[in-house]
Amino acid sequence: MSQTQPVYFDRSLVTTAFTLDGYRVVKNYGIVRGIIVRSRSVFGTIGASLQTLVGGDITLFSNLCEETRQHAFDRMIEHAAGMGANAVIGVRYDATEVMQSVTEVLCYGTAVKVEPI
């Protein structure tokens, strides 16, 4: 996927459920996904290590994780919109450590076209 302007997509029509109240599925486009692979920088790792000394939320890692999930989500939406879908159901996330300090985050679901009932 390209790094272009975000695609407008009604995010209220993206759900972890397999139905959308008030809508019916009129077309199923199949699985869509957004994948991003990220590594932690040496400086971020050192900063996060220092944060562990005081305990609590490790904000450097929390922010990195949130940003990474958001990018994967945005890529999934772009994939769905490119297929002609206006909704995504059954959305899930998965993460896999590819190698030490390198993680793949996958956001996936089923792209569908829905109409109000």
N, C-alpha and C. Protein backbone atom coordinates (compact mmCIF):
# COMPACT_ATOMS: atom_id res chain seq x y z
N MET A 1 0.84 -1.17 0.00
CA MET A 1 0.00 0.00 0.00
C MET A 1 0.89 1.25 0.00
N SER A 2 0.41 2.28 -0.61
CA SER A 2 1.19 3.51 -0.69
C SER A 2 0.95 4.39 0.53
N GLN A 3 1.87 5.30 0.75
CA GLN A 3 1.76 6.25 1.86
C GLN A 3 1.07 7.50 1.34
N THR A 4 -0.22 7.43 1.07
CA THR A 4 -0.99 8.55 0.54
C THR A 4 -1.89 9.08 1.63
N GLN A 5 -2.71 10.06 1.26
CA GLN A 5 -3.68 10.59 2.20
C GLN A 5 -4.60 9.46 2.66
N PRO A 6 -5.02 9.47 3.93
CA PRO A 6 -5.91 8.42 4.41
C PRO A 6 -7.22 8.41 3.63
N VAL A 7 -7.74 7.22 3.36
CA VAL A 7 -8.99 7.05 2.66
C VAL A 7 -10.13 7.35 3.63
N TYR A 8 -11.16 8.13 3.16
CA TYR A 8 -12.32 8.33 4.03
C TYR A 8 -13.12 7.03 4.06
N PHE A 9 -13.41 6.60 5.26
CA PHE A 9 -14.15 5.36 5.46
C PHE A 9 -14.90 5.56 6.76
N ASP A 10 -16.20 5.35 6.76
CA ASP A 10 -17.00 5.53 7.97
C ASP A 10 -16.58 4.48 8.99
N ARG A 11 -15.76 4.88 9.94
CA ARG A 11 -15.20 3.93 10.90
C ARG A 11 -16.24 3.35 11.85
N SER A 12 -17.44 3.90 11.85
CA SER A 12 -18.50 3.27 12.64
C SER A 12 -18.98 1.98 11.97
N LEU A 13 -18.56 1.77 10.72
CA LEU A 13 -18.90 0.55 9.99
C LEU A 13 -17.74 -0.45 9.98
N VAL A 14 -16.86 -0.32 10.96
CA VAL A 14 -15.76 -1.27 11.16
C VAL A 14 -15.96 -1.85 12.56
N THR A 15 -16.04 -3.17 12.65
CA THR A 15 -16.39 -3.78 13.93
C THR A 15 -15.74 -5.15 14.11
N THR A 16 -15.57 -5.52 15.34
CA THR A 16 -15.10 -6.87 15.65
C THR A 16 -16.25 -7.88 15.57
N ALA A 17 -17.47 -7.39 15.55
CA ALA A 17 -18.64 -8.26 15.43
C ALA A 17 -18.77 -8.74 13.98
N PHE A 18 -19.67 -9.69 13.76
CA PHE A 18 -19.87 -10.21 12.41
C PHE A 18 -21.15 -9.68 11.78
N THR A 19 -21.80 -8.76 12.48
CA THR A 19 -22.98 -8.08 11.96
C THR A 19 -22.90 -6.61 12.37
N LEU A 20 -23.65 -5.78 11.68
CA LEU A 20 -23.77 -4.37 12.01
C LEU A 20 -25.25 -4.07 12.22
N ASP A 21 -25.63 -3.68 13.42
CA ASP A 21 -27.02 -3.39 13.70
C ASP A 21 -27.55 -2.32 12.75
N GLY A 22 -28.71 -2.60 12.16
CA GLY A 22 -29.35 -1.65 11.26
C GLY A 22 -28.87 -1.76 9.82
N TYR A 23 -27.98 -2.70 9.53
CA TYR A 23 -27.45 -2.88 8.17
C TYR A 23 -27.54 -4.34 7.77
N ARG A 24 -27.59 -4.57 6.48
CA ARG A 24 -27.49 -5.94 5.97
C ARG A 24 -26.34 -6.00 4.97
N VAL A 25 -25.65 -7.10 4.98
CA VAL A 25 -24.53 -7.32 4.06
C VAL A 25 -25.12 -7.66 2.69
N VAL A 26 -24.74 -6.90 1.67
CA VAL A 26 -25.22 -7.17 0.32
C VAL A 26 -24.12 -7.73 -0.58
N LYS A 27 -22.86 -7.60 -0.16
CA LYS A 27 -21.76 -8.17 -0.93
C LYS A 27 -20.58 -8.44 0.00
N ASN A 28 -19.95 -9.58 -0.20
CA ASN A 28 -18.78 -9.96 0.58
C ASN A 28 -17.57 -9.92 -0.35
N TYR A 29 -16.59 -9.09 -0.01
CA TYR A 29 -15.39 -8.96 -0.85
C TYR A 29 -14.26 -9.87 -0.38
N GLY A 30 -14.39 -10.43 0.79
CA GLY A 30 -13.36 -11.33 1.30
C GLY A 30 -12.44 -10.66 2.31
N ILE A 31 -11.38 -11.35 2.62
CA ILE A 31 -10.46 -10.91 3.68
C ILE A 31 -9.64 -9.71 3.20
N VAL A 32 -9.50 -8.74 4.11
CA VAL A 32 -8.61 -7.60 3.90
C VAL A 32 -7.65 -7.54 5.07
N ARG A 33 -6.49 -6.95 4.82
CA ARG A 33 -5.50 -6.91 5.88
C ARG A 33 -4.64 -5.67 5.76
N GLY A 34 -4.07 -5.32 6.87
CA GLY A 34 -3.06 -4.27 6.92
C GLY A 34 -1.90 -4.82 7.73
N ILE A 35 -0.72 -4.77 7.16
CA ILE A 35 0.46 -5.34 7.81
C ILE A 35 1.50 -4.25 7.97
N ILE A 36 2.12 -4.21 9.12
CA ILE A 36 3.25 -3.31 9.35
C ILE A 36 4.29 -4.06 10.16
N VAL A 37 5.54 -3.85 9.82
CA VAL A 37 6.64 -4.47 10.56
C VAL A 37 7.46 -3.33 11.15
N ARG A 38 7.64 -3.37 12.46
CA ARG A 38 8.34 -2.30 13.15
C ARG A 38 9.46 -2.85 13.99
N SER A 39 10.49 -2.02 14.14
CA SER A 39 11.57 -2.36 15.06
C SER A 39 11.68 -1.25 16.10
N ARG A 40 12.21 -1.59 17.23
CA ARG A 40 12.47 -0.60 18.27
C ARG A 40 13.84 -0.02 18.02
N SER A 41 13.95 1.30 18.14
CA SER A 41 15.26 1.92 17.98
C SER A 41 16.08 1.70 19.25
N VAL A 42 17.37 1.81 19.12
CA VAL A 42 18.26 1.68 20.28
C VAL A 42 17.92 2.74 21.32
N PHE A 43 17.67 3.98 20.85
CA PHE A 43 17.36 5.07 21.78
C PHE A 43 16.03 4.85 22.49
N GLY A 44 15.03 4.35 21.74
CA GLY A 44 13.74 4.05 22.35
C GLY A 44 13.85 2.94 23.37
N THR A 45 14.66 1.94 23.07
CA THR A 45 14.85 0.82 24.00
C THR A 45 15.54 1.29 25.27
N ILE A 46 16.54 2.15 25.13
CA ILE A 46 17.24 2.69 26.31
C ILE A 46 16.28 3.54 27.14
N GLY A 47 15.50 4.39 26.47
CA GLY A 47 14.53 5.23 27.17
C GLY A 47 13.49 4.40 27.90
N ALA A 48 12.99 3.35 27.25
CA ALA A 48 12.00 2.48 27.88
C ALA A 48 12.63 1.73 29.05
N SER A 49 13.89 1.33 28.91
CA SER A 49 14.58 0.65 30.02
C SER A 49 14.67 1.57 31.23
N LEU A 50 14.92 2.84 30.99
CA LEU A 50 14.98 3.80 32.10
C LEU A 50 13.60 3.96 32.74
N GLN A 51 12.55 3.94 31.93
CA GLN A 51 11.19 4.05 32.47
C GLN A 51 10.85 2.86 33.36
N THR A 52 11.41 1.70 33.07
CA THR A 52 11.10 0.52 33.90
C THR A 52 11.66 0.66 35.31
N LEU A 53 12.67 1.51 35.47
CA LEU A 53 13.25 1.70 36.80
C LEU A 53 12.27 2.34 37.78
N VAL A 54 11.38 3.20 37.26
CA VAL A 54 10.41 3.86 38.14
C VAL A 54 9.07 3.12 38.16
N GLY A 55 8.90 2.17 37.26
CA GLY A 55 7.65 1.39 37.23
C GLY A 55 6.53 2.14 36.53
N GLY A 56 5.40 1.49 36.43
CA GLY A 56 4.23 2.09 35.80
C GLY A 56 4.20 1.87 34.30
N ASP A 57 3.43 2.72 33.63
CA ASP A 57 3.24 2.63 32.19
C ASP A 57 4.54 2.97 31.48
N ILE A 58 4.98 2.10 30.60
CA ILE A 58 6.17 2.35 29.79
C ILE A 58 5.68 3.09 28.55
N THR A 59 5.55 4.41 28.66
CA THR A 59 4.89 5.21 27.63
C THR A 59 5.57 5.12 26.26
N LEU A 60 6.87 4.98 26.23
CA LEU A 60 7.54 4.86 24.93
C LEU A 60 7.05 3.63 24.18
N PHE A 61 6.91 2.51 24.88
CA PHE A 61 6.43 1.29 24.24
C PHE A 61 4.92 1.36 23.98
N SER A 62 4.18 1.93 24.93
CA SER A 62 2.72 2.07 24.74
C SER A 62 2.42 2.90 23.50
N ASN A 63 3.13 4.01 23.35
CA ASN A 63 2.92 4.87 22.19
C ASN A 63 3.32 4.17 20.89
N LEU A 64 4.42 3.46 20.91
CA LEU A 64 4.87 2.72 19.73
C LEU A 64 3.84 1.66 19.34
N CYS A 65 3.33 0.94 20.33
CA CYS A 65 2.33 -0.11 20.05
C CYS A 65 1.05 0.50 19.49
N GLU A 66 0.58 1.58 20.09
CA GLU A 66 -0.65 2.22 19.62
C GLU A 66 -0.49 2.75 18.20
N GLU A 67 0.63 3.39 17.93
CA GLU A 67 0.89 3.92 16.59
C GLU A 67 0.98 2.79 15.56
N THR A 68 1.62 1.70 15.92
CA THR A 68 1.77 0.57 15.02
C THR A 68 0.42 -0.07 14.71
N ARG A 69 -0.41 -0.26 15.73
CA ARG A 69 -1.76 -0.83 15.50
C ARG A 69 -2.59 0.10 14.62
N GLN A 70 -2.47 1.42 14.85
CA GLN A 70 -3.23 2.39 14.04
C GLN A 70 -2.80 2.33 12.58
N HIS A 71 -1.51 2.21 12.32
CA HIS A 71 -1.03 2.10 10.94
C HIS A 71 -1.55 0.82 10.28
N ALA A 72 -1.53 -0.29 11.00
CA ALA A 72 -2.04 -1.55 10.45
C ALA A 72 -3.54 -1.42 10.16
N PHE A 73 -4.28 -0.80 11.07
CA PHE A 73 -5.72 -0.57 10.90
C PHE A 73 -5.97 0.29 9.65
N ASP A 74 -5.22 1.39 9.54
CA ASP A 74 -5.39 2.28 8.38
C ASP A 74 -5.11 1.56 7.07
N ARG A 75 -4.11 0.71 7.06
CA ARG A 75 -3.79 -0.05 5.84
C ARG A 75 -4.90 -1.04 5.51
N MET A 76 -5.51 -1.65 6.53
CA MET A 76 -6.63 -2.55 6.30
C MET A 76 -7.80 -1.79 5.67
N ILE A 77 -8.10 -0.59 6.22
CA ILE A 77 -9.19 0.23 5.69
C ILE A 77 -8.91 0.61 4.23
N GLU A 78 -7.68 0.98 3.94
CA GLU A 78 -7.29 1.33 2.57
C GLU A 78 -7.50 0.13 1.64
N HIS A 79 -7.14 -1.05 2.10
CA HIS A 79 -7.32 -2.27 1.32
C HIS A 79 -8.81 -2.49 1.05
N ALA A 80 -9.65 -2.35 2.08
CA ALA A 80 -11.10 -2.56 1.94
C ALA A 80 -11.72 -1.55 0.98
N ALA A 81 -11.35 -0.28 1.16
CA ALA A 81 -11.89 0.78 0.29
C ALA A 81 -11.48 0.54 -1.16
N GLY A 82 -10.26 0.08 -1.37
CA GLY A 82 -9.78 -0.21 -2.72
C GLY A 82 -10.55 -1.32 -3.41
N MET A 83 -11.15 -2.19 -2.62
CA MET A 83 -11.95 -3.29 -3.18
C MET A 83 -13.39 -2.85 -3.44
N GLY A 84 -13.78 -1.68 -2.92
CA GLY A 84 -15.14 -1.20 -3.09
C GLY A 84 -16.03 -1.41 -1.87
N ALA A 85 -15.46 -1.90 -0.79
CA ALA A 85 -16.24 -2.14 0.43
C ALA A 85 -16.55 -0.83 1.14
N ASN A 86 -17.62 -0.84 1.92
CA ASN A 86 -17.92 0.32 2.76
C ASN A 86 -17.98 -0.06 4.25
N ALA A 87 -17.61 -1.32 4.54
CA ALA A 87 -17.60 -1.78 5.93
C ALA A 87 -16.62 -2.94 6.05
N VAL A 88 -16.16 -3.17 7.29
CA VAL A 88 -15.30 -4.32 7.58
C VAL A 88 -15.83 -4.95 8.86
N ILE A 89 -16.10 -6.24 8.80
CA ILE A 89 -16.61 -6.96 9.96
C ILE A 89 -15.59 -8.01 10.41
N GLY A 90 -15.73 -8.46 11.65
CA GLY A 90 -14.85 -9.51 12.17
C GLY A 90 -13.40 -9.06 12.30
N VAL A 91 -13.17 -7.80 12.63
CA VAL A 91 -11.81 -7.26 12.69
C VAL A 91 -11.04 -7.87 13.86
N ARG A 92 -9.80 -8.22 13.59
CA ARG A 92 -8.90 -8.79 14.60
C ARG A 92 -7.50 -8.24 14.40
N TYR A 93 -6.70 -8.35 15.45
CA TYR A 93 -5.28 -8.01 15.39
C TYR A 93 -4.47 -9.25 15.73
N ASP A 94 -3.28 -9.32 15.18
CA ASP A 94 -2.33 -10.37 15.51
C ASP A 94 -0.95 -9.75 15.48
N ALA A 95 -0.06 -10.25 16.29
CA ALA A 95 1.32 -9.76 16.31
C ALA A 95 2.26 -10.95 16.41
N THR A 96 3.36 -10.85 15.67
CA THR A 96 4.36 -11.91 15.65
C THR A 96 5.73 -11.27 15.72
N GLU A 97 6.57 -11.80 16.59
CA GLU A 97 7.94 -11.32 16.63
C GLU A 97 8.69 -12.00 15.49
N VAL A 98 9.14 -11.20 14.52
CA VAL A 98 9.84 -11.72 13.35
C VAL A 98 11.28 -12.07 13.71
N MET A 99 11.89 -11.21 14.48
CA MET A 99 13.23 -11.42 15.03
C MET A 99 13.34 -10.52 16.26
N GLN A 100 14.39 -10.63 17.02
CA GLN A 100 14.50 -9.84 18.24
C GLN A 100 14.35 -8.36 17.93
N SER A 101 13.42 -7.71 18.64
CA SER A 101 13.13 -6.28 18.50
C SER A 101 12.43 -5.91 17.20
N VAL A 102 11.96 -6.89 16.43
CA VAL A 102 11.23 -6.63 15.19
C VAL A 102 9.91 -7.39 15.26
N THR A 103 8.81 -6.65 15.16
CA THR A 103 7.48 -7.24 15.31
C THR A 103 6.60 -6.90 14.11
N GLU A 104 5.86 -7.90 13.65
CA GLU A 104 4.85 -7.71 12.61
C GLU A 104 3.51 -7.56 13.32
N VAL A 105 2.74 -6.55 12.93
CA VAL A 105 1.38 -6.38 13.44
C VAL A 105 0.45 -6.47 12.24
N LEU A 106 -0.54 -7.33 12.37
CA LEU A 106 -1.50 -7.58 11.31
C LEU A 106 -2.89 -7.20 11.82
N CYS A 107 -3.60 -6.43 11.04
CA CYS A 107 -5.01 -6.12 11.33
C CYS A 107 -5.79 -6.68 10.15
N TYR A 108 -6.80 -7.51 10.43
CA TYR A 108 -7.52 -8.15 9.34
C TYR A 108 -9.00 -8.27 9.66
N GLY A 109 -9.78 -8.44 8.62
CA GLY A 109 -11.22 -8.60 8.77
C GLY A 109 -11.82 -8.98 7.42
N THR A 110 -13.14 -8.95 7.35
CA THR A 110 -13.85 -9.27 6.13
C THR A 110 -14.46 -8.00 5.56
N ALA A 111 -14.06 -7.64 4.34
CA ALA A 111 -14.58 -6.46 3.67
C ALA A 111 -15.95 -6.78 3.09
N VAL A 112 -16.90 -5.91 3.36
CA VAL A 112 -18.26 -6.12 2.88
C VAL A 112 -18.87 -4.80 2.40
N LYS A 113 -19.92 -4.94 1.62
CA LYS A 113 -20.74 -3.77 1.29
C LYS A 113 -22.04 -3.96 2.07
N VAL A 114 -22.42 -2.92 2.79
CA VAL A 114 -23.65 -2.98 3.59
C VAL A 114 -24.60 -1.88 3.15
N GLU A 115 -25.89 -2.15 3.40
CA GLU A 115 -26.95 -1.16 3.14
C GLU A 115 -27.82 -1.09 4.38
N PRO A 116 -28.36 0.10 4.67
CA PRO A 116 -29.29 0.20 5.81
C PRO A 116 -30.51 -0.69 5.57
N ILE A 117 -31.01 -1.25 6.65
CA ILE A 117 -32.20 -2.12 6.55
C ILE A 117 -33.43 -1.24 6.41
